[in-house]
Amino acid sequence: MTRRIVAAFSDHSAVNGWLVRELPGLFKGAGLKDIRVRGFMPLEQHEGSFYARMGERAAAVALEVGAITPEQHEKWMEALRDRVRSGEFLGGRLHLFCWGRKP
């Protein structure tokens, strides 16, 4: 169910979920040189964290687009809240930074 939620969120919450992967090629096509990419992975475990709330938003999107049923949404949300309250939650997202220079 989590995979369906993550896929629905990726497909329906971003304008272009592939943009960060396309940036190096776009930068090269624009004539930039010395193109670099770096990743940053923040992780959070606490209640009320950005990534715990993102999990809630992702489940809402999955429900809205029909990737999960209302019953699945309720069950998944209950499990998420239990994990957050018990300190077992760990959430994060990979952020990629891409840059280059104009010759």
C-alpha atoms as a PDB file:
ATOM      1  CA  MET A   1       0.000   0.000   0.000  1.00  0.00           C
ATOM      2  CA  THR A   2       2.868   2.391   0.791  1.00  0.00           C
ATOM      3  CA  ARG A   3       4.260   1.874  -2.706  1.00  0.00           C
ATOM      4  CA  ARG A   4       0.892   2.809  -4.212  1.00  0.00           C
ATOM      5  CA  ILE A   5       0.735   5.896  -1.997  1.00  0.00           C
ATOM      6  CA  VAL A   6       4.258   7.009  -2.900  1.00  0.00           C
ATOM      7  CA  ALA A   7       3.646   6.389  -6.622  1.00  0.00           C
ATOM      8  CA  ALA A   8       0.361   8.311  -6.589  1.00  0.00           C
ATOM      9  CA  PHE A   9       1.987  11.194  -4.718  1.00  0.00           C
ATOM     10  CA  SER A  10       4.904  11.272  -7.168  1.00  0.00           C
ATOM     11  CA  ASP A  11       2.606  11.167 -10.183  1.00  0.00           C
ATOM     12  CA  HIS A  12       0.012  13.677  -8.980  1.00  0.00           C
ATOM     13  CA  SER A  13       1.717  16.196  -6.690  1.00  0.00           C
ATOM     14  CA  ALA A  14       4.592  17.547  -8.765  1.00  0.00           C
ATOM     15  CA  VAL A  15       4.520  19.489 -12.006  1.00  0.00           C
ATOM     16  CA  ASN A  16       7.403  17.395 -13.357  1.00  0.00           C
ATOM     17  CA  GLY A  17       8.676  14.656 -11.064  1.00  0.00           C
ATOM     18  CA  TRP A  18      11.507  13.891 -13.495  1.00  0.00           C
ATOM     19  CA  LEU A  19      12.859  17.440 -13.767  1.00  0.00           C
ATOM     20  CA  VAL A  20      15.735  16.983 -11.336  1.00  0.00           C
ATOM     21  CA  ARG A  21      16.911  13.961 -13.341  1.00  0.00           C
ATOM     22  CA  GLU A  22      16.678  15.959 -16.551  1.00  0.00           C
ATOM     23  CA  LEU A  23      18.512  19.058 -15.314  1.00  0.00           C
ATOM     24  CA  PRO A  24      22.077  17.925 -16.133  1.00  0.00           C
ATOM     25  CA  GLY A  25      21.082  17.291 -19.760  1.00  0.00           C
ATOM     26  CA  LEU A  26      19.088  20.516 -19.938  1.00  0.00           C
ATOM     27  CA  PHE A  27      22.027  22.465 -18.521  1.00  0.00           C
ATOM     28  CA  LYS A  28      24.369  20.847 -21.036  1.00  0.00           C
ATOM     29  CA  GLY A  29      21.933  21.662 -23.846  1.00  0.00           C
ATOM     30  CA  ALA A  30      21.893  25.288 -22.660  1.00  0.00           C
ATOM     31  CA  GLY A  31      25.668  25.456 -23.026  1.00  0.00           C
ATOM     32  CA  LEU A  32      26.643  25.308 -19.350  1.00  0.00           C
ATOM     33  CA  LYS A  33      29.991  23.782 -18.429  1.00  0.00           C
ATOM     34  CA  ASP A  34      31.308  22.034 -15.315  1.00  0.00           C
ATOM     35  CA  ILE A  35      27.838  20.725 -14.488  1.00  0.00           C
ATOM     36  CA  ARG A  36      27.640  19.240 -11.017  1.00  0.00           C
ATOM     37  CA  VAL A  37      25.002  17.396  -9.032  1.00  0.00           C
ATOM     38  CA  ARG A  38      24.954  16.867  -5.275  1.00  0.00           C
ATOM     39  CA  GLY A  39      22.432  15.101  -3.097  1.00  0.00           C
ATOM     40  CA  PHE A  40      21.225  15.964   0.375  1.00  0.00           C
ATOM     41  CA  MET A  41      19.051  13.582   2.413  1.00  0.00           C
ATOM     42  CA  PRO A  42      17.433  15.119   5.498  1.00  0.00           C
ATOM     43  CA  LEU A  43      15.877  12.574   7.861  1.00  0.00           C
ATOM     44  CA  GLU A  44      13.371  13.254  10.626  1.00  0.00           C
ATOM     45  CA  GLN A  45      11.844  11.095  13.319  1.00  0.00           C
ATOM     46  CA  HIS A  46       9.691  13.375  15.431  1.00  0.00           C
ATOM     47  CA  GLU A  47       5.959  13.936  15.592  1.00  0.00           C
ATOM     48  CA  GLY A  48       4.843  16.918  13.569  1.00  0.00           C
ATOM     49  CA  SER A  49       7.907  16.735  11.336  1.00  0.00           C
ATOM     50  CA  PHE A  50       7.759  17.901   7.736  1.00  0.00           C
ATOM     51  CA  TYR A  51       8.158  14.334   6.477  1.00  0.00           C
ATOM     52  CA  ALA A  52       5.514  12.869   8.771  1.00  0.00           C
ATOM     53  CA  ARG A  53       3.116  15.509   7.453  1.00  0.00           C
ATOM     54  CA  MET A  54       4.267  14.696   3.919  1.00  0.00           C
ATOM     55  CA  GLY A  55       3.223  11.087   4.532  1.00  0.00           C
ATOM     56  CA  GLU A  56      -0.231  12.323   5.487  1.00  0.00           C
ATOM     57  CA  ARG A  57      -0.399  14.516   2.359  1.00  0.00           C
ATOM     58  CA  ALA A  58       0.754  11.620   0.190  1.00  0.00           C
ATOM     59  CA  ALA A  59      -1.990   9.379   1.565  1.00  0.00           C
ATOM     60  CA  ALA A  60      -4.573  12.098   0.931  1.00  0.00           C
ATOM     61  CA  VAL A  61      -3.439  12.438  -2.692  1.00  0.00           C
ATOM     62  CA  ALA A  62      -3.514   8.659  -3.170  1.00  0.00           C
ATOM     63  CA  LEU A  63      -7.064   8.582  -1.826  1.00  0.00           C
ATOM     64  CA  GLU A  64      -8.110  11.535  -3.996  1.00  0.00           C
ATOM     65  CA  VAL A  65      -6.830   9.946  -7.226  1.00  0.00           C
ATOM     66  CA  GLY A  66      -8.251   6.514  -6.404  1.00  0.00           C
ATOM     67  CA  ALA A  67      -4.974   4.688  -5.801  1.00  0.00           C
ATOM     68  CA  ILE A  68      -6.291   3.502  -2.421  1.00  0.00           C
ATOM     69  CA  THR A  69      -9.744   3.080  -0.924  1.00  0.00           C
ATOM     70  CA  PRO A  70     -11.064   5.097   2.022  1.00  0.00           C
ATOM     71  CA  GLU A  71     -10.675   2.015   4.219  1.00  0.00           C
ATOM     72  CA  GLN A  72      -7.042   1.558   3.131  1.00  0.00           C
ATOM     73  CA  HIS A  73      -6.406   5.244   3.744  1.00  0.00           C
ATOM     74  CA  GLU A  74      -7.777   5.034   7.276  1.00  0.00           C
ATOM     75  CA  LYS A  75      -5.765   1.884   8.066  1.00  0.00           C
ATOM     76  CA  TRP A  76      -2.541   3.315   6.624  1.00  0.00           C
ATOM     77  CA  MET A  77      -2.968   6.635   8.442  1.00  0.00           C
ATOM     78  CA  GLU A  78      -3.556   4.836  11.729  1.00  0.00           C
ATOM     79  CA  ALA A  79      -0.363   2.829  11.213  1.00  0.00           C
ATOM     80  CA  LEU A  80       1.607   5.971  10.307  1.00  0.00           C
ATOM     81  CA  ARG A  81       0.403   7.827  13.398  1.00  0.00           C
ATOM     82  CA  ASP A  82       1.219   4.821  15.595  1.00  0.00           C
ATOM     83  CA  ARG A  83       4.761   4.666  14.193  1.00  0.00           C
ATOM     84  CA  VAL A  84       5.260   8.398  14.687  1.00  0.00           C
ATOM     85  CA  ARG A  85       3.961   8.312  18.283  1.00  0.00           C
ATOM     86  CA  SER A  86       6.085   5.275  19.179  1.00  0.00           C
ATOM     87  CA  GLY A  87       9.268   6.844  17.777  1.00  0.00           C
ATOM     88  CA  GLU A  88       9.594   4.194  15.046  1.00  0.00           C
ATOM     89  CA  PHE A  89       8.977   6.644  12.200  1.00  0.00           C
ATOM     90  CA  LEU A  90      11.842   7.761   9.990  1.00  0.00           C
ATOM     91  CA  GLY A  91      11.081   9.916   6.985  1.00  0.00           C
ATOM     92  CA  GLY A  92      13.050  11.877   4.462  1.00  0.00           C
ATOM     93  CA  ARG A  93      13.453  12.753   0.851  1.00  0.00           C
ATOM     94  CA  LEU A  94      16.431  13.026  -1.421  1.00  0.00           C
ATOM     95  CA  HIS A  95      17.061  16.605  -2.550  1.00  0.00           C
ATOM     96  CA  LEU A  96      19.308  17.019  -5.578  1.00  0.00           C
ATOM     97  CA  PHE A  97      21.106  20.239  -6.390  1.00  0.00           C
ATOM     98  CA  CYS A  98      22.382  20.792  -9.918  1.00  0.00           C
ATOM     99  CA  TRP A  99      24.464  23.692 -11.175  1.00  0.00           C
ATOM    100  CA  GLY A 100      26.906  24.679 -13.853  1.00  0.00           C
ATOM    101  CA  ARG A 101      28.648  27.734 -15.201  1.00  0.00           C
ATOM    102  CA  LYS A 102      28.199  29.746 -18.328  1.00  0.00           C
ATOM    103  CA  PRO A 103      31.421  29.890 -20.362  1.00  0.00           C
END
